[in-house]
C-alpha atoms as a PDB file:
ATOM      1  CA  MET A   1     -10.575  23.522   5.671  1.00  0.00           C
ATOM      2  CA  LEU A   2      -7.933  21.445   3.905  1.00  0.00           C
ATOM      3  CA  ILE A   3      -9.372  21.813   0.394  1.00  0.00           C
ATOM      4  CA  GLU A   4     -11.371  24.664  -1.085  1.00  0.00           C
ATOM      5  CA  LYS A   5     -15.016  23.689  -1.347  1.00  0.00           C
ATOM      6  CA  ASN A   6     -15.339  24.746  -5.019  1.00  0.00           C
ATOM      7  CA  ARG A   7     -12.289  22.706  -6.062  1.00  0.00           C
ATOM      8  CA  LEU A   8     -13.656  19.675  -4.262  1.00  0.00           C
ATOM      9  CA  LYS A   9     -17.040  20.039  -5.995  1.00  0.00           C
ATOM     10  CA  GLU A  10     -15.291  20.423  -9.351  1.00  0.00           C
ATOM     11  CA  PHE A  11     -13.229  17.305  -8.678  1.00  0.00           C
ATOM     12  CA  ALA A  12     -16.326  15.282  -7.706  1.00  0.00           C
ATOM     13  CA  HIS A  13     -18.137  16.517 -10.826  1.00  0.00           C
ATOM     14  CA  THR A  14     -15.199  15.470 -13.037  1.00  0.00           C
ATOM     15  CA  LEU A  15     -15.099  12.005 -11.444  1.00  0.00           C
ATOM     16  CA  THR A  16     -18.852  11.644 -11.917  1.00  0.00           C
ATOM     17  CA  ARG A  17     -18.591  12.662 -15.560  1.00  0.00           C
ATOM     18  CA  ILE A  18     -15.804  10.145 -16.184  1.00  0.00           C
ATOM     19  CA  TYR A  19     -17.021   7.178 -14.097  1.00  0.00           C
ATOM     20  CA  GLY A  20     -20.787   7.790 -13.916  1.00  0.00           C
ATOM     21  CA  LYS A  21     -22.920   8.804 -10.966  1.00  0.00           C
ATOM     22  CA  ASN A  22     -23.502   5.182  -9.925  1.00  0.00           C
ATOM     23  CA  ASN A  23     -19.767   4.735  -9.387  1.00  0.00           C
ATOM     24  CA  VAL A  24     -18.945   7.965  -7.555  1.00  0.00           C
ATOM     25  CA  HIS A  25     -20.243   8.657  -4.065  1.00  0.00           C
ATOM     26  CA  VAL A  26     -19.436  11.868  -2.239  1.00  0.00           C
ATOM     27  CA  LYS A  27     -19.868  11.902   1.490  1.00  0.00           C
ATOM     28  CA  LYS A  28     -19.154  14.766   3.836  1.00  0.00           C
ATOM     29  CA  LEU A  29     -17.141  13.624   6.827  1.00  0.00           C
ATOM     30  CA  LYS A  30     -16.108  15.413   9.952  1.00  0.00           C
ATOM     31  CA  THR A  31     -12.381  15.657  10.562  1.00  0.00           C
ATOM     32  CA  ILE A  32     -12.733  13.312  13.521  1.00  0.00           C
ATOM     33  CA  ASP A  33     -14.247  10.639  11.233  1.00  0.00           C
ATOM     34  CA  ILE A  34     -11.288  10.885   8.884  1.00  0.00           C
ATOM     35  CA  VAL A  35      -8.798  10.708  11.744  1.00  0.00           C
ATOM     36  CA  GLU A  36     -10.576   7.646  13.183  1.00  0.00           C
ATOM     37  CA  ARG A  37     -10.455   5.901   9.793  1.00  0.00           C
ATOM     38  CA  VAL A  38      -6.759   6.655   9.369  1.00  0.00           C
ATOM     39  CA  TYR A  39      -5.943   5.372  12.865  1.00  0.00           C
ATOM     40  CA  LEU A  40      -8.046   2.247  12.278  1.00  0.00           C
ATOM     41  CA  SER A  41      -6.255   1.654   8.971  1.00  0.00           C
ATOM     42  CA  ILE A  42      -2.859   2.148  10.588  1.00  0.00           C
ATOM     43  CA  GLY A  43      -3.765  -0.242  13.411  1.00  0.00           C
ATOM     44  CA  ASN A  44      -4.969  -2.865  10.941  1.00  0.00           C
ATOM     45  CA  LEU A  45      -1.871  -2.364   8.807  1.00  0.00           C
ATOM     46  CA  GLU A  46       0.338  -2.898  11.852  1.00  0.00           C
ATOM     47  CA  LYS A  47      -1.493  -6.156  12.610  1.00  0.00           C
ATOM     48  CA  CYS A  48      -0.978  -7.263   9.017  1.00  0.00           C
ATOM     49  CA  LEU A  49       2.708  -6.360   9.033  1.00  0.00           C
ATOM     50  CA  ARG A  50       3.263  -8.252  12.296  1.00  0.00           C
ATOM     51  CA  THR A  51       2.388 -11.426  10.374  1.00  0.00           C
ATOM     52  CA  LEU A  52       5.414 -10.854   8.123  1.00  0.00           C
ATOM     53  CA  THR A  53       8.768 -12.276   9.123  1.00  0.00           C
ATOM     54  CA  GLU A  54      11.772  -9.983   9.501  1.00  0.00           C
ATOM     55  CA  ARG A  55      13.294 -11.442   6.310  1.00  0.00           C
ATOM     56  CA  GLU A  56      10.058 -10.915   4.366  1.00  0.00           C
ATOM     57  CA  VAL A  57       9.911  -7.250   5.417  1.00  0.00           C
ATOM     58  CA  LYS A  58      13.610  -6.729   4.657  1.00  0.00           C
ATOM     59  CA  THR A  59      13.279  -8.338   1.216  1.00  0.00           C
ATOM     60  CA  LEU A  60      10.059  -6.509   0.384  1.00  0.00           C
ATOM     61  CA  ARG A  61      11.485  -3.162   1.517  1.00  0.00           C
ATOM     62  CA  TYR A  62      14.690  -3.651  -0.465  1.00  0.00           C
ATOM     63  CA  ALA A  63      12.759  -4.710  -3.569  1.00  0.00           C
ATOM     64  CA  LEU A  64      10.524  -1.655  -3.298  1.00  0.00           C
ATOM     65  CA  LYS A  65      13.409   0.780  -2.779  1.00  0.00           C
ATOM     66  CA  SER A  66      15.380  -0.827  -5.618  1.00  0.00           C
ATOM     67  CA  GLY A  67      12.575  -0.462  -8.147  1.00  0.00           C
ATOM     68  CA  TYR A  68      11.578  -4.107  -8.442  1.00  0.00           C
ATOM     69  CA  PHE A  69       7.892  -3.133  -8.502  1.00  0.00           C
ATOM     70  CA  ASP A  70       8.368  -0.224 -10.921  1.00  0.00           C
ATOM     71  CA  ILE A  71       7.194  -0.456 -14.516  1.00  0.00           C
ATOM     72  CA  PRO A  72       9.534  -1.163 -16.142  1.00  0.00           C
ATOM     73  CA  ARG A  73      11.517  -2.870 -13.386  1.00  0.00           C
ATOM     74  CA  LYS A  74      14.719  -1.124 -12.352  1.00  0.00           C
ATOM     75  CA  ILE A  75      16.151  -4.334 -10.901  1.00  0.00           C
ATOM     76  CA  THR A  76      15.688  -8.016 -11.684  1.00  0.00           C
ATOM     77  CA  LEU A  77      14.962 -10.814  -9.249  1.00  0.00           C
ATOM     78  CA  ASN A  78      18.391 -12.214 -10.029  1.00  0.00           C
ATOM     79  CA  ARG A  79      20.093  -8.897  -9.185  1.00  0.00           C
ATOM     80  CA  LEU A  80      18.017  -8.578  -5.989  1.00  0.00           C
ATOM     81  CA  SER A  81      19.204 -11.999  -4.882  1.00  0.00           C
ATOM     82  CA  ILE A  82      22.845 -11.061  -5.504  1.00  0.00           C
ATOM     83  CA  GLU A  83      22.541  -7.767  -3.603  1.00  0.00           C
ATOM     84  CA  LEU A  84      20.721  -9.413  -0.693  1.00  0.00           C
ATOM     85  CA  GLY A  85      23.123 -12.351  -0.628  1.00  0.00           C
ATOM     86  CA  LEU A  86      20.309 -14.876  -0.940  1.00  0.00           C
ATOM     87  CA  SER A  87      19.382 -17.402  -3.589  1.00  0.00           C
ATOM     88  CA  LYS A  88      16.959 -16.311  -6.282  1.00  0.00           C
ATOM     89  CA  ALA A  89      14.434 -18.900  -5.039  1.00  0.00           C
ATOM     90  CA  THR A  90      14.674 -17.567  -1.472  1.00  0.00           C
ATOM     91  CA  VAL A  91      14.114 -13.952  -2.542  1.00  0.00           C
ATOM     92  CA  GLU A  92      11.151 -14.991  -4.669  1.00  0.00           C
ATOM     93  CA  THR A  93       9.713 -16.998  -1.770  1.00  0.00           C
ATOM     94  CA  HIS A  94      10.070 -14.081   0.677  1.00  0.00           C
ATOM     95  CA  LEU A  95       8.390 -11.695  -1.780  1.00  0.00           C
ATOM     96  CA  ARG A  96       5.562 -14.069  -2.650  1.00  0.00           C
ATOM     97  CA  LYS A  97       4.818 -14.999   0.972  1.00  0.00           C
ATOM     98  CA  ALA A  98       4.877 -11.359   2.088  1.00  0.00           C
ATOM     99  CA  LEU A  99       2.640 -10.199  -0.744  1.00  0.00           C
ATOM    100  CA  LYS A 100       0.238 -13.091  -0.153  1.00  0.00           C
ATOM    101  CA  LYS A 101      -0.151 -12.123   3.515  1.00  0.00           C
ATOM    102  CA  ILE A 102      -0.719  -8.479   2.619  1.00  0.00           C
ATOM    103  CA  LEU A 103      -3.185  -9.242  -0.175  1.00  0.00           C
ATOM    104  CA  GLU A 104      -5.141 -11.650   2.040  1.00  0.00           C
ATOM    105  CA  ASN A 105      -5.545  -8.869   4.601  1.00  0.00           C
ATOM    106  CA  ILE A 106      -6.679  -6.445   1.908  1.00  0.00           C
ATOM    107  CA  SER A 107      -9.155  -8.922   0.433  1.00  0.00           C
ATOM    108  CA  ASN A 108     -10.542  -9.557   3.923  1.00  0.00           C
ATOM    109  CA  LYS A 109     -11.067  -5.772   4.189  1.00  0.00           C
ATOM    110  CA  THR A 110      -8.882  -5.722   7.270  1.00  0.00           C
ATOM    111  CA  ILE A 111      -6.934  -2.832   5.828  1.00  0.00           C
ATOM    112  CA  SER A 112      -8.325   0.195   4.056  1.00  0.00           C
ATOM    113  CA  ALA A 113      -6.013   2.679   2.363  1.00  0.00           C
ATOM    114  CA  CYS A 114      -3.406  -0.070   2.533  1.00  0.00           C
ATOM    115  CA  PRO A 115      -1.324   0.657  -0.567  1.00  0.00           C
ATOM    116  CA  ILE A 116      -0.437   4.166   0.578  1.00  0.00           C
ATOM    117  CA  LEU A 117       0.197   3.199   4.187  1.00  0.00           C
ATOM    118  CA  LEU A 118       2.133   0.079   3.235  1.00  0.00           C
ATOM    119  CA  SER A 119       4.395   2.021   0.885  1.00  0.00           C
ATOM    120  CA  LEU A 120       5.050   4.640   3.562  1.00  0.00           C
ATOM    121  CA  TYR A 121       5.839   1.947   6.122  1.00  0.00           C
ATOM    122  CA  LEU A 122       8.209   0.057   3.868  1.00  0.00           C
ATOM    123  CA  LEU A 123      10.026   3.201   2.788  1.00  0.00           C
ATOM    124  CA  CYS A 124      10.263   4.952   6.139  1.00  0.00           C
ATOM    125  CA  TYR A 125      10.426   2.483   8.998  1.00  0.00           C
ATOM    126  CA  ASN A 126      12.836  -0.229  10.080  1.00  0.00           C
END
């Protein structure tokens, strides 16, 4: 077992107390169910990422690593454009197009657990 049963129950109880029982649903899954969901999410994420151009991925990855999406930002759009050797308008276009494609896939429920998987992909893979 990955998590102690009592700690999991305590966590679910805390969530229920904070968000209300109509907003918290606990479901027992077999390990195989979880693995299937992760693989399905990864497969859907890969399909989504294949819609991005190489420049969009490069720009998005660099912006993420540089802290562009942090609060507060660690780098400005202007500085990103200088470091990438592109115009400010081009960097903004790459970021906006990439994010639009990703968000459309999320809103279409093509990708579940996308934020975590997307961040891992952008940080770890070429």
